[in-house]
N, C-alpha and C. Protein backbone atom coordinates (compact mmCIF):
# COMPACT_ATOMS: atom_id res chain seq x y z
N UNK A 1 -0.69 -11.94 1.09
CA UNK A 1 -1.55 -10.20 1.31
C UNK A 1 -2.92 -10.41 0.54
N UNK A 2 -3.21 -11.75 0.07
CA UNK A 2 -4.54 -11.92 -0.44
C UNK A 2 -5.43 -12.29 1.15
N UNK A 3 -4.88 -12.65 2.00
CA UNK A 3 -5.73 -12.75 3.29
C UNK A 3 -5.96 -11.55 3.56
N UNK A 4 -5.32 -10.56 3.56
CA UNK A 4 -5.36 -9.12 4.26
C UNK A 4 -6.65 -8.54 3.25
N UNK A 5 -7.11 -8.87 2.58
CA UNK A 5 -8.41 -8.62 2.01
C UNK A 5 -9.81 -8.96 2.47
N UNK A 6 -9.41 -10.01 3.43
CA UNK A 6 -10.58 -10.49 4.31
C UNK A 6 -10.49 -10.56 5.80
N UNK A 7 -9.11 -9.95 6.15
CA UNK A 7 -8.59 -10.57 7.46
C UNK A 7 -9.91 -9.33 8.43
N UNK A 8 -10.10 -10.34 9.63
CA UNK A 8 -10.89 -9.82 10.43
C UNK A 8 -10.51 -8.35 10.96
N UNK A 9 -9.57 -7.93 11.11
CA UNK A 9 -9.02 -6.89 11.72
C UNK A 9 -8.38 -5.41 10.59
N UNK A 10 -8.93 -6.27 9.20
CA UNK A 10 -8.49 -5.12 8.19
C UNK A 10 -9.04 -3.64 7.79
N UNK A 11 -8.78 -3.23 6.97
CA UNK A 11 -9.05 -1.90 6.86
C UNK A 11 -9.14 -1.40 5.62
N UNK A 12 -10.13 -0.40 4.69
CA UNK A 12 -9.75 0.14 3.76
C UNK A 12 -8.38 0.14 3.33
N UNK A 13 -7.51 0.60 3.78
CA UNK A 13 -6.24 1.25 3.26
C UNK A 13 -5.53 0.27 3.18
N UNK A 14 -5.71 -1.36 4.17
CA UNK A 14 -4.92 -2.35 3.86
C UNK A 14 -5.53 -3.35 2.56
N UNK A 15 -6.95 -3.12 2.69
CA UNK A 15 -7.34 -3.57 1.25
C UNK A 15 -6.80 -2.87 0.41
N UNK A 16 -6.64 -1.88 -0.20
CA UNK A 16 -6.01 -0.98 -1.20
C UNK A 16 -4.80 -1.55 -1.54
N UNK A 17 -3.96 -1.53 -0.25
CA UNK A 17 -2.13 -2.32 -0.60
C UNK A 17 -2.20 -3.20 -0.86
N UNK A 18 -3.33 -3.99 -0.25
CA UNK A 18 -2.97 -5.63 -0.97
C UNK A 18 -3.36 -6.03 -2.43
N UNK A 19 -4.28 -5.41 -2.77
CA UNK A 19 -4.82 -5.29 -4.30
C UNK A 19 -3.73 -4.49 -4.91
N UNK A 20 -3.12 -3.64 -4.64
CA UNK A 20 -1.99 -3.20 -5.32
C UNK A 20 -0.85 -3.87 -5.50
N UNK A 21 -0.46 -4.49 -4.23
CA UNK A 21 0.31 -5.54 -4.52
C UNK A 21 0.24 -6.64 -5.03
N UNK A 22 -0.87 -7.38 -5.02
CA UNK A 22 -1.13 -8.25 -6.09
C UNK A 22 -1.05 -8.13 -7.30
N UNK A 23 -1.48 -6.68 -7.87
CA UNK A 23 -1.42 -6.34 -9.12
C UNK A 23 0.02 -5.98 -9.87
N UNK A 24 1.06 -5.33 -8.38
CA UNK A 24 1.96 -5.39 -9.18
C UNK A 24 3.05 -6.80 -9.30
N UNK A 25 2.87 -7.58 -8.17
CA UNK A 25 3.56 -8.77 -8.31
C UNK A 25 3.04 -9.47 -9.48
N UNK A 26 1.82 -9.47 -9.65
CA UNK A 26 1.40 -10.82 -11.13
C UNK A 26 1.96 -9.95 -11.91
N UNK A 27 1.84 -8.70 -12.10
CA UNK A 27 2.39 -7.80 -13.70
C UNK A 27 3.95 -8.17 -13.77
N UNK A 28 4.29 -8.13 -12.79
CA UNK A 28 6.20 -7.76 -12.86
C UNK A 28 7.05 -9.46 -12.60
N UNK A 29 6.63 -10.53 -12.11
CA UNK A 29 6.88 -11.84 -11.66
C UNK A 29 6.90 -12.32 -13.37
N UNK A 30 6.33 -12.48 -14.51
CA UNK A 30 6.48 -13.16 -15.50
C UNK A 30 7.38 -11.96 -16.35
N UNK A 31 7.27 -11.04 -16.01
CA UNK A 31 8.38 -10.08 -16.80
C UNK A 31 9.58 -10.46 -16.12
N UNK A 32 9.72 -10.50 -14.87
CA UNK A 32 11.15 -10.79 -14.49
C UNK A 32 11.91 -12.48 -14.88
N UNK A 33 11.02 -13.37 -15.13
CA UNK A 33 11.20 -14.39 -15.17
C UNK A 33 11.49 -14.59 -17.03
N UNK A 34 11.21 -13.79 -17.77
CA UNK A 34 11.45 -14.01 -19.04
C UNK A 34 12.40 -12.99 -18.93
N UNK A 35 13.27 -11.99 -18.28
CA UNK A 35 14.32 -11.12 -18.52
C UNK A 35 14.57 -10.71 -17.15
N UNK A 36 15.61 -11.45 -16.37
CA UNK A 36 16.05 -11.27 -15.13
C UNK A 36 16.76 -9.87 -14.88
N UNK A 37 17.00 -8.87 -15.65
CA UNK A 37 17.76 -8.11 -15.71
C UNK A 37 16.81 -6.58 -16.29
N UNK A 38 15.34 -7.10 -16.32
CA UNK A 38 14.38 -5.86 -16.09
C UNK A 38 14.28 -4.93 -15.16
N UNK A 39 15.28 -3.90 -14.87
CA UNK A 39 14.86 -2.98 -14.04
C UNK A 39 13.95 -2.29 -13.28
N UNK A 40 12.95 -2.49 -14.65
CA UNK A 40 11.71 -1.77 -14.30
C UNK A 40 10.81 -2.86 -13.59
N UNK A 41 10.91 -3.95 -14.54
CA UNK A 41 10.09 -4.90 -13.53
C UNK A 41 10.50 -5.58 -12.17
N UNK A 42 11.50 -5.16 -11.89
CA UNK A 42 12.26 -5.59 -10.45
C UNK A 42 11.69 -4.37 -9.69
N UNK A 43 12.21 -3.47 -10.23
CA UNK A 43 11.46 -1.99 -9.30
C UNK A 43 9.77 -2.58 -8.96
N UNK A 44 8.99 -2.90 -10.15
CA UNK A 44 7.41 -3.41 -9.51
C UNK A 44 7.45 -4.43 -8.59
N UNK A 45 8.29 -5.00 -8.80
CA UNK A 45 8.26 -6.60 -7.86
C UNK A 45 8.88 -5.86 -6.25
N UNK A 46 9.70 -5.33 -6.50
CA UNK A 46 10.18 -4.62 -5.32
C UNK A 46 9.00 -3.78 -4.33
N UNK A 47 8.37 -3.39 -5.35
CA UNK A 47 7.34 -2.45 -4.86
C UNK A 47 6.30 -2.97 -4.28
N UNK A 48 5.63 -4.45 -4.93
CA UNK A 48 4.58 -5.05 -4.49
C UNK A 48 5.13 -5.97 -3.65
N UNK A 49 6.42 -6.33 -3.16
CA UNK A 49 6.57 -7.12 -1.99
C UNK A 49 6.46 -5.99 -0.84
N UNK A 50 6.95 -5.00 -1.30
CA UNK A 50 7.07 -3.88 0.27
C UNK A 50 5.87 -3.78 1.07
N UNK A 51 4.51 -3.90 -0.13
CA UNK A 51 3.35 -3.64 -0.09
C UNK A 51 2.60 -5.19 0.77
N UNK A 52 2.99 -5.87 0.09
CA UNK A 52 2.73 -7.34 0.67
C UNK A 52 3.08 -7.50 2.34
N UNK A 53 4.59 -7.15 2.58
CA UNK A 53 4.93 -7.38 3.69
C UNK A 53 4.41 -6.36 4.87
N UNK A 54 3.75 -5.16 4.37
CA UNK A 54 3.24 -4.06 5.39
C UNK A 54 2.03 -4.52 5.48
N UNK A 55 1.05 -5.16 4.64
CA UNK A 55 0.03 -5.62 5.07
C UNK A 55 -0.31 -6.45 5.73
N UNK A 56 0.96 -7.85 5.70
CA UNK A 56 1.29 -8.79 6.35
C UNK A 56 1.17 -8.38 7.76
N UNK A 57 1.76 -7.33 8.26
CA UNK A 57 2.08 -6.86 9.18
C UNK A 57 0.79 -5.79 9.89
N UNK A 58 -0.03 -5.57 9.19
CA UNK A 58 -0.99 -4.68 9.72
C UNK A 58 -2.29 -5.66 9.48
N UNK A 59 -2.70 -6.62 9.46
CA UNK A 59 -4.05 -7.47 9.56
C UNK A 59 -3.48 -8.71 9.95
N UNK A 60 -4.83 -9.30 10.04
CA UNK A 60 -4.13 -10.67 10.69
C UNK A 60 -4.20 -11.32 9.70
N UNK A 61 -3.72 -12.69 9.89
CA UNK A 61 -3.61 -13.83 9.05
C UNK A 61 -5.18 -14.83 9.53
N UNK A 62 -5.12 -15.83 8.55
CA UNK A 62 -6.14 -16.67 8.49
C UNK A 62 -5.91 -18.30 7.58
N UNK A 63 -6.45 -18.82 7.36
CA UNK A 63 -6.68 -20.17 6.71
C UNK A 63 -5.15 -20.27 6.10
N UNK A 64 -4.80 -19.73 5.33
CA UNK A 64 -3.76 -19.67 4.36
C UNK A 64 -2.63 -20.08 5.23
N UNK A 65 -2.15 -18.59 5.91
CA UNK A 65 -1.04 -18.83 7.18
C UNK A 65 -1.27 -19.93 8.00
N UNK A 66 -2.15 -20.00 8.58
CA UNK A 66 -2.18 -21.21 9.47
C UNK A 66 -2.06 -22.26 9.03
N UNK A 67 -2.60 -23.02 7.94
CA UNK A 67 -2.29 -24.24 7.67
C UNK A 67 -0.76 -24.11 7.24
N UNK A 68 -0.08 -23.44 6.54
CA UNK A 68 0.90 -23.45 6.02
C UNK A 68 2.16 -23.90 7.17
N UNK A 69 1.84 -22.61 8.17
CA UNK A 69 2.68 -23.28 9.45
C UNK A 69 2.44 -24.30 10.35
N UNK A 70 1.01 -25.17 10.17
CA UNK A 70 0.67 -26.69 10.60
C UNK A 70 1.54 -27.78 9.50
N UNK A 71 1.55 -27.07 8.55
CA UNK A 71 2.32 -28.40 7.21
C UNK A 71 4.24 -28.29 7.64
N UNK A 72 4.01 -27.01 7.82
CA UNK A 72 5.63 -27.19 8.01
C UNK A 72 6.36 -27.50 9.18
N UNK A 73 5.14 -27.16 10.37
CA UNK A 73 6.29 -27.60 11.73
C UNK A 73 5.70 -29.36 11.97
N UNK A 74 4.67 -29.82 11.05
CA UNK A 74 4.34 -31.04 11.37
C UNK A 74 5.16 -31.98 10.41
N UNK A 75 5.37 -31.70 9.15
CA UNK A 75 5.99 -32.27 8.21
C UNK A 75 7.41 -31.72 7.87
N UNK A 76 8.04 -30.98 8.14
CA UNK A 76 9.10 -30.29 7.90
C UNK A 76 9.16 -29.78 6.60
N UNK A 77 8.25 -29.24 6.09
CA UNK A 77 8.18 -28.78 4.93
C UNK A 77 8.78 -27.68 4.60
N UNK A 78 9.17 -26.98 3.27
CA UNK A 78 10.09 -25.64 2.98
C UNK A 78 8.87 -24.59 2.99
N UNK A 79 9.45 -23.48 3.73
CA UNK A 79 8.34 -22.30 4.19
C UNK A 79 7.85 -21.69 2.72
N UNK A 80 8.70 -21.01 2.06
CA UNK A 80 7.86 -20.38 0.70
C UNK A 80 7.45 -21.22 -0.01
N UNK A 81 7.80 -22.42 -0.14
CA UNK A 81 7.12 -23.25 -1.36
C UNK A 81 5.92 -23.79 -1.05
N UNK A 82 5.78 -24.00 0.45
CA UNK A 82 4.87 -24.84 0.70
C UNK A 82 3.50 -23.49 0.78
N UNK A 83 3.83 -22.45 1.09
CA UNK A 83 2.90 -21.35 0.90
C UNK A 83 2.36 -20.55 -0.58
N UNK A 84 3.28 -21.05 -1.05
CA UNK A 84 3.12 -20.78 -3.10
C UNK A 84 1.74 -22.19 -3.10
N UNK A 85 2.28 -23.08 -2.83
CA UNK A 85 1.04 -24.34 -3.41
C UNK A 85 0.05 -24.60 -2.49
N UNK A 86 0.43 -24.00 -1.41
CA UNK A 86 -1.50 -23.68 -0.66
C UNK A 86 -2.00 -22.56 -0.96
N UNK A 87 -1.66 -21.56 -1.08
CA UNK A 87 -2.15 -20.03 -1.34
C UNK A 87 -3.51 -20.21 -2.49
N UNK A 88 -3.19 -20.84 -3.49
CA UNK A 88 -4.77 -20.79 -4.36
C UNK A 88 -5.70 -21.98 -3.78
N UNK A 89 -5.75 -22.83 -3.13
CA UNK A 89 -6.55 -24.03 -2.52
C UNK A 89 -6.89 -23.24 -1.24
N UNK A 90 -6.31 -22.27 -0.60
CA UNK A 90 -7.04 -21.33 0.58
C UNK A 90 -7.56 -20.64 0.24
N UNK A 91 -7.58 -19.80 -0.89
CA UNK A 91 -8.06 -18.79 -1.44
C UNK A 91 -9.46 -19.49 -2.00
N UNK A 92 -9.68 -20.70 -2.98
CA UNK A 92 -10.66 -21.35 -3.16
C UNK A 92 -11.46 -21.36 -2.03
N UNK A 93 -11.18 -22.37 -1.01
CA UNK A 93 -11.95 -22.03 -0.13
C UNK A 93 -12.65 -21.28 0.73
N UNK A 94 -12.13 -20.14 0.82
CA UNK A 94 -12.56 -19.14 1.42
C UNK A 94 -13.61 -18.32 0.43
N UNK A 95 -13.25 -18.33 -0.89
CA UNK A 95 -13.54 -17.07 -1.64
C UNK A 95 -15.79 -17.21 -1.62
N UNK A 96 -15.89 -18.38 -1.61
CA UNK A 96 -17.47 -18.12 -0.90
C UNK A 96 -17.91 -16.99 0.12
N UNK A 97 -16.83 -16.84 0.90
CA UNK A 97 -17.25 -16.09 2.00
C UNK A 97 -17.29 -14.63 1.93
N UNK A 98 -16.32 -14.26 0.78
CA UNK A 98 -16.02 -13.05 0.51
C UNK A 98 -15.57 -12.87 -0.45
N UNK A 99 -17.00 -12.67 -1.36
CA UNK A 99 -17.16 -12.16 -2.54
C UNK A 99 -16.44 -10.81 -2.99
N UNK A 100 -16.24 -9.90 -2.04
CA UNK A 100 -15.87 -8.58 -2.27
C UNK A 100 -14.29 -8.63 -2.29
N UNK A 101 -14.00 -9.28 -1.57
CA UNK A 101 -12.25 -9.61 -1.50
C UNK A 101 -12.14 -10.21 -3.03
N UNK A 102 -12.60 -11.12 -3.40
CA UNK A 102 -12.27 -11.77 -4.70
C UNK A 102 -12.79 -10.97 -5.54
N UNK A 103 -13.34 -9.86 -5.78
CA UNK A 103 -13.75 -8.96 -6.69
C UNK A 103 -12.08 -8.30 -6.71
N UNK A 104 -11.69 -8.08 -5.61
CA UNK A 104 -10.57 -6.80 -5.70
C UNK A 104 -9.48 -7.62 -6.28
N UNK A 105 -9.54 -8.95 -5.57
CA UNK A 105 -8.39 -10.29 -6.28
C UNK A 105 -8.37 -9.97 -8.01
N UNK A 106 -9.50 -10.11 -8.15
CA UNK A 106 -9.88 -10.83 -9.35
C UNK A 106 -9.24 -9.51 -10.22
N UNK A 107 -9.63 -8.53 -10.00
CA UNK A 107 -9.40 -6.91 -10.42
C UNK A 107 -7.99 -6.93 -10.88
N UNK A 108 -6.94 -7.24 -9.68
CA UNK A 108 -5.75 -7.14 -9.21
C UNK A 108 -4.85 -8.25 -10.42
N UNK A 109 -5.59 -9.24 -10.81
CA UNK A 109 -4.81 -10.31 -11.45
C UNK A 109 -5.44 -10.02 -13.09
N UNK A 110 -6.58 -9.32 -13.57
CA UNK A 110 -6.62 -9.15 -14.90
C UNK A 110 -8.05 -9.61 -15.17
N UNK A 111 -8.64 -10.17 -14.30
CA UNK A 111 -9.95 -10.87 -14.35
C UNK A 111 -9.73 -12.18 -14.01
N UNK A 112 -11.01 -12.93 -13.80
CA UNK A 112 -11.02 -14.35 -13.34
C UNK A 112 -11.18 -15.18 -12.11
N UNK A 113 -10.81 -16.19 -11.99
CA UNK A 113 -11.54 -16.65 -10.75
C UNK A 113 -9.63 -16.31 -10.15
N UNK A 114 -9.71 -15.68 -8.86
CA UNK A 114 -8.65 -15.52 -8.39
C UNK A 114 -7.80 -16.71 -7.86
N UNK A 115 -8.40 -17.61 -7.57
CA UNK A 115 -7.65 -19.08 -7.03
C UNK A 115 -6.87 -19.44 -8.36
N UNK A 116 -7.81 -19.82 -9.45
CA UNK A 116 -7.11 -20.20 -10.45
C UNK A 116 -6.19 -19.20 -11.13
N UNK A 117 -6.56 -18.34 -11.21
CA UNK A 117 -5.25 -17.18 -11.53
C UNK A 117 -3.97 -17.34 -10.97
N UNK A 118 -4.36 -17.08 -9.69
CA UNK A 118 -2.72 -17.87 -8.70
C UNK A 118 -2.33 -18.87 -8.70
N UNK A 119 -2.87 -19.65 -9.21
CA UNK A 119 -2.12 -21.35 -9.43
C UNK A 119 -1.90 -21.25 -10.83
N UNK A 120 -2.18 -20.50 -11.96
CA UNK A 120 -1.69 -20.30 -12.77
C UNK A 120 -0.36 -19.31 -13.19
N UNK A 121 -0.24 -18.39 -12.45
CA UNK A 121 0.78 -17.60 -12.19
C UNK A 121 1.74 -18.69 -11.92
N UNK A 122 1.68 -19.19 -10.49
CA UNK A 122 2.61 -20.00 -10.11
C UNK A 122 3.52 -20.95 -11.08
N UNK A 123 2.53 -21.47 -11.85
CA UNK A 123 2.64 -22.89 -12.11
C UNK A 123 3.33 -22.08 -13.74
N UNK A 124 3.26 -20.98 -14.07
CA UNK A 124 4.05 -19.92 -15.14
C UNK A 124 5.25 -19.64 -14.81
N UNK A 125 5.81 -19.44 -13.53
CA UNK A 125 6.46 -19.14 -12.88
C UNK A 125 7.47 -20.25 -12.68
N UNK A 126 7.12 -21.41 -12.55
CA UNK A 126 8.11 -22.72 -12.62
C UNK A 126 7.91 -23.44 -11.09
N UNK A 127 6.63 -22.85 -10.28
CA UNK A 127 6.77 -23.54 -9.04
C UNK A 127 6.34 -24.62 -8.90
N UNK A 128 6.70 -25.22 -7.87
CA UNK A 128 6.30 -26.65 -7.61
C UNK A 128 4.97 -26.82 -6.79
N UNK A 129 3.94 -27.22 -7.45
CA UNK A 129 2.75 -26.97 -6.80
C UNK A 129 2.17 -28.16 -6.03
N UNK A 130 2.97 -29.21 -5.85
CA UNK A 130 2.39 -30.73 -5.44
C UNK A 130 3.11 -30.74 -3.75
N UNK A 131 2.24 -30.54 -2.94
CA UNK A 131 2.50 -30.57 -1.67
C UNK A 131 3.43 -32.13 -1.32
N UNK A 132 3.22 -32.57 -2.33
CA UNK A 132 3.49 -34.56 -2.19
C UNK A 132 5.57 -34.07 -2.50
N UNK A 133 5.41 -33.52 -3.36
CA UNK A 133 7.09 -33.40 -3.94
C UNK A 133 7.75 -32.43 -3.49
N UNK A 134 6.95 -31.38 -2.43
CA UNK A 134 7.66 -30.65 -1.61
C UNK A 134 7.66 -31.56 0.17
N UNK A 135 7.48 -32.75 0.03
CA UNK A 135 7.68 -33.73 1.11
C UNK A 135 6.42 -33.53 2.17
N UNK A 136 5.10 -33.51 1.54
CA UNK A 136 4.16 -34.13 2.55
C UNK A 136 4.09 -35.34 2.26
N UNK A 137 3.71 -36.01 3.01
CA UNK A 137 3.11 -37.69 2.88
C UNK A 137 1.70 -37.49 2.63
N UNK A 138 1.31 -38.24 1.64
CA UNK A 138 -0.02 -38.40 1.46
C UNK A 138 -1.41 -38.73 2.65
N UNK A 139 -0.37 -39.97 2.99
CA UNK A 139 -1.22 -40.05 4.68
C UNK A 139 -1.17 -39.48 5.65
N UNK A 140 -0.44 -38.18 5.43
CA UNK A 140 -0.65 -37.14 6.33
C UNK A 140 -1.87 -35.94 6.44
N UNK A 141 -2.59 -36.29 5.25
CA UNK A 141 -3.80 -35.15 5.31
C UNK A 141 -4.43 -34.98 6.27
N UNK A 142 -5.17 -36.30 6.63
CA UNK A 142 -6.02 -36.25 7.85
C UNK A 142 -5.62 -35.65 9.16
N UNK A 143 -4.23 -36.08 9.41
CA UNK A 143 -3.27 -35.59 10.44
C UNK A 143 -3.37 -34.09 10.26
N UNK A 144 -2.99 -33.39 9.36
CA UNK A 144 -3.12 -31.85 8.91
C UNK A 144 -4.17 -31.47 9.25
N UNK A 145 -5.40 -31.69 8.76
CA UNK A 145 -7.09 -31.53 8.86
C UNK A 145 -6.80 -31.48 10.26
N UNK A 146 -6.62 -32.23 11.12
CA UNK A 146 -7.42 -32.47 12.32
C UNK A 146 -6.23 -31.12 13.03
N UNK A 147 -5.04 -30.89 12.94
CA UNK A 147 -4.52 -30.13 13.62
C UNK A 147 -5.01 -28.69 13.45
N UNK A 148 -5.29 -28.62 12.21
CA UNK A 148 -5.82 -27.21 11.65
C UNK A 148 -6.97 -26.85 12.12
N UNK A 149 -8.14 -27.75 12.54
CA UNK A 149 -9.09 -27.13 13.23
C UNK A 149 -8.85 -27.58 14.71
N UNK A 150 -8.01 -28.23 15.12
CA UNK A 150 -8.12 -28.04 16.86
C UNK A 150 -7.48 -26.80 17.80
N UNK A 151 -7.22 -25.60 16.73
CA UNK A 151 -6.48 -24.88 17.26
C UNK A 151 -7.11 -23.85 16.17
N UNK A 152 -8.48 -23.34 16.75
CA UNK A 152 -9.24 -22.35 15.85
C UNK A 152 -8.83 -20.79 15.78
N UNK A 153 -9.13 -19.98 14.71
CA UNK A 153 -8.76 -18.82 14.68
C UNK A 153 -9.24 -18.17 13.99
N UNK A 154 -9.23 -17.10 13.52
CA UNK A 154 -10.31 -16.39 12.42
C UNK A 154 -10.04 -16.60 11.15
N UNK A 155 -11.24 -16.94 10.50
CA UNK A 155 -11.01 -17.29 8.95
C UNK A 155 -12.72 -16.67 8.64
N UNK A 156 -12.87 -16.64 7.62
CA UNK A 156 -14.51 -15.61 6.91
C UNK A 156 -15.13 -17.03 6.71
N UNK A 157 -14.22 -18.04 6.36
CA UNK A 157 -15.27 -19.48 6.33
C UNK A 157 -15.23 -20.43 7.73
N UNK A 158 -16.02 -20.89 7.87
CA UNK A 158 -16.10 -22.17 9.21
C UNK A 158 -14.35 -22.69 8.76
N UNK A 159 -13.97 -23.36 9.35
CA UNK A 159 -12.78 -24.54 9.03
C UNK A 159 -13.05 -25.76 9.71
N UNK A 160 -13.32 -26.96 8.29
CA UNK A 160 -13.93 -28.01 8.79
C UNK A 160 -12.88 -28.90 8.38
N UNK A 161 -12.72 -30.00 9.09
CA UNK A 161 -12.11 -31.33 9.03
C UNK A 161 -12.66 -31.61 7.34
N UNK A 162 -13.67 -31.98 6.97
CA UNK A 162 -13.80 -32.14 5.68
C UNK A 162 -13.51 -31.20 4.54
N UNK A 163 -13.59 -30.21 4.87
CA UNK A 163 -12.75 -28.80 4.01
C UNK A 163 -11.36 -29.27 3.99
N UNK A 164 -10.60 -28.91 5.05
CA UNK A 164 -9.45 -29.09 4.94
C UNK A 164 -8.89 -30.20 4.15
N UNK A 165 -9.36 -31.51 4.23
CA UNK A 165 -8.86 -32.86 3.60
C UNK A 165 -9.40 -32.88 2.27
N UNK A 166 -10.35 -31.97 1.57
CA UNK A 166 -10.76 -31.49 0.34
C UNK A 166 -9.29 -30.78 -0.24
N UNK A 167 -9.27 -29.71 0.50
CA UNK A 167 -8.23 -28.65 -0.09
C UNK A 167 -7.05 -29.16 0.22
N UNK A 168 -6.47 -29.82 1.09
CA UNK A 168 -4.91 -30.87 0.93
C UNK A 168 -5.07 -32.11 0.13
N UNK A 169 -5.98 -32.62 -0.34
CA UNK A 169 -6.15 -33.53 -1.30
C UNK A 169 -5.75 -32.79 -2.86
N UNK A 170 -6.51 -32.25 -3.09
CA UNK A 170 -5.56 -31.11 -4.29
C UNK A 170 -4.26 -30.73 -4.35
N UNK A 171 -4.22 -30.10 -2.89
CA UNK A 171 -2.73 -29.54 -2.90
C UNK A 171 -1.64 -30.50 -2.89
N UNK A 172 -1.85 -31.70 -2.40
CA UNK A 172 -0.73 -32.90 -2.27
C UNK A 172 -0.46 -33.17 -3.87
N UNK A 173 -1.77 -33.39 -4.74
CA UNK A 173 -1.23 -33.98 -5.87
C UNK A 173 -0.91 -33.09 -6.60
N UNK A 174 -1.14 -31.51 -6.35
CA UNK A 174 -0.56 -30.27 -7.50
C UNK A 174 -1.67 -30.11 -8.25
N UNK A 175 -2.94 -30.30 -8.01
CA UNK A 175 -3.84 -30.08 -8.93
C UNK A 175 -4.03 -28.54 -8.86
N UNK A 176 -5.33 -28.18 -10.11
CA UNK A 176 -5.51 -26.68 -9.76
C UNK A 176 -6.87 -26.61 -8.30
N UNK A 177 -6.91 -25.48 -7.92
CA UNK A 177 -7.72 -25.48 -6.75
C UNK A 177 -9.41 -25.62 -7.34
N UNK A 178 -10.27 -25.71 -6.64
CA UNK A 178 -11.72 -25.40 -7.20
C UNK A 178 -12.50 -24.81 -6.36
N UNK A 179 -12.86 -23.65 -6.83
CA UNK A 179 -13.84 -22.69 -6.24
C UNK A 179 -14.96 -23.15 -5.85
N UNK A 180 -15.52 -23.18 -4.64
CA UNK A 180 -16.94 -23.80 -4.31
C UNK A 180 -18.02 -22.79 -4.64
């Protein structure tokens, strides 16, 4: 959903929906973890998921989605968990090129660096943030980076092998993202 904030074919409505989706999910998921029977929080999560799915279908994807598919297809990694571990790093990678989108994401997450906030949210929910623990071999970083740049796709920041190696090196270890 955050990718929709800076998709090359996005629009103001998609951006509003993406921001609201982030807000609803960031608010509801910790409440559900604390009390899985909280009907209001579950309703908020459903609302956030519906918005996220809607914007995913309305705007193109960028680095995050494409990189996760590269990892999943190359290393047979679990889909949802891979997306969770890569998202904060992909957001950090693109952040310098999309300041307005980062402002919206920051607002939706209650302030601060969106990449860090997403990482902290995922860790707080108990998500595994190490790609190595999800099945990515550490010696696969260079291969994944080469594959990621071999098939260009729209992304707000140019995708370089060096940049992807840096991104994946942190994600493989489960370290927090670093926004450039």
